[in-house]
Structure formats: structure tokens, C-alpha cells
Amino acid sequence: GIVKDILTNSSTHPHGIKVRLTDGKVGRVQSIIK
């Protein structure tokens, strides 16, 4: 999916960064690629 919002304040998180996709699903990603 396409990430819409980043829900985790920090750029790194031990369990993954929580994100919301454009379809409304919430999931975790391992890292943010700039």
C-alpha cells in the first residue's frame, strides 16, 4: 500500500514505525526510506 501518515513520533522504533496507509489500514514498517 501507499503510506499516508506516520503515526510514530520517532524515526526509529524497536517494534517498527506505525503508519497509516491511504486505504485506512494501520501497520508497521521497519524503516523510513527518505
C-alpha atoms as a PDB file:
ATOM      1  CA  GLY A   1       0.000   0.000   0.000  1.00  0.00           C
ATOM      2  CA  ILE A   2       0.901   3.659  -0.014  1.00  0.00           C
ATOM      3  CA  VAL A   3       1.777   5.269   3.299  1.00  0.00           C
ATOM      4  CA  LYS A   4      -0.322   8.321   4.103  1.00  0.00           C
ATOM      5  CA  ASP A   5       0.603   9.193   7.682  1.00  0.00           C
ATOM      6  CA  ILE A   6       3.437   8.268  10.020  1.00  0.00           C
ATOM      7  CA  LEU A   7       1.986   7.614  13.464  1.00  0.00           C
ATOM      8  CA  THR A   8       5.188   7.075  15.433  1.00  0.00           C
ATOM      9  CA  ASN A   9       6.915  10.259  16.566  1.00  0.00           C
ATOM     10  CA  SER A  10      10.438   8.867  16.461  1.00  0.00           C
ATOM     11  CA  SER A  11      12.117   7.856  13.209  1.00  0.00           C
ATOM     12  CA  THR A  12      13.291   4.615  14.805  1.00  0.00           C
ATOM     13  CA  HIS A  13      11.260   2.274  16.987  1.00  0.00           C
ATOM     14  CA  PRO A  14      12.151  -1.186  18.348  1.00  0.00           C
ATOM     15  CA  HIS A  15       8.877  -2.755  17.173  1.00  0.00           C
ATOM     16  CA  GLY A  16       8.647  -0.834  13.923  1.00  0.00           C
ATOM     17  CA  ILE A  17       7.198   2.513  12.939  1.00  0.00           C
ATOM     18  CA  LYS A  18       3.411   2.656  12.888  1.00  0.00           C
ATOM     19  CA  VAL A  19       1.972   4.077   9.694  1.00  0.00           C
ATOM     20  CA  ARG A  20      -1.460   4.596   8.190  1.00  0.00           C
ATOM     21  CA  LEU A  21      -1.968   3.674   4.555  1.00  0.00           C
ATOM     22  CA  THR A  22      -4.077   5.581   2.051  1.00  0.00           C
ATOM     23  CA  ASP A  23      -6.768   2.883   2.327  1.00  0.00           C
ATOM     24  CA  GLY A  24      -7.029   3.454   6.080  1.00  0.00           C
ATOM     25  CA  LYS A  25      -5.145   0.377   7.239  1.00  0.00           C
ATOM     26  CA  VAL A  26      -2.644   0.796  10.046  1.00  0.00           C
ATOM     27  CA  GLY A  27       0.539  -1.211  10.009  1.00  0.00           C
ATOM     28  CA  ARG A  28       4.193  -1.134  10.888  1.00  0.00           C
ATOM     29  CA  VAL A  29       7.237  -0.560   8.730  1.00  0.00           C
ATOM     30  CA  GLN A  30      10.798  -1.461   9.626  1.00  0.00           C
ATOM     31  CA  SER A  31      12.404   1.758   8.440  1.00  0.00           C
ATOM     32  CA  ILE A  32      11.674   5.030   6.685  1.00  0.00           C
ATOM     33  CA  ILE A  33      13.457   5.470   3.362  1.00  0.00           C
ATOM     34  CA  LYS A  34      14.000   9.128   2.542  1.00  0.00           C
END
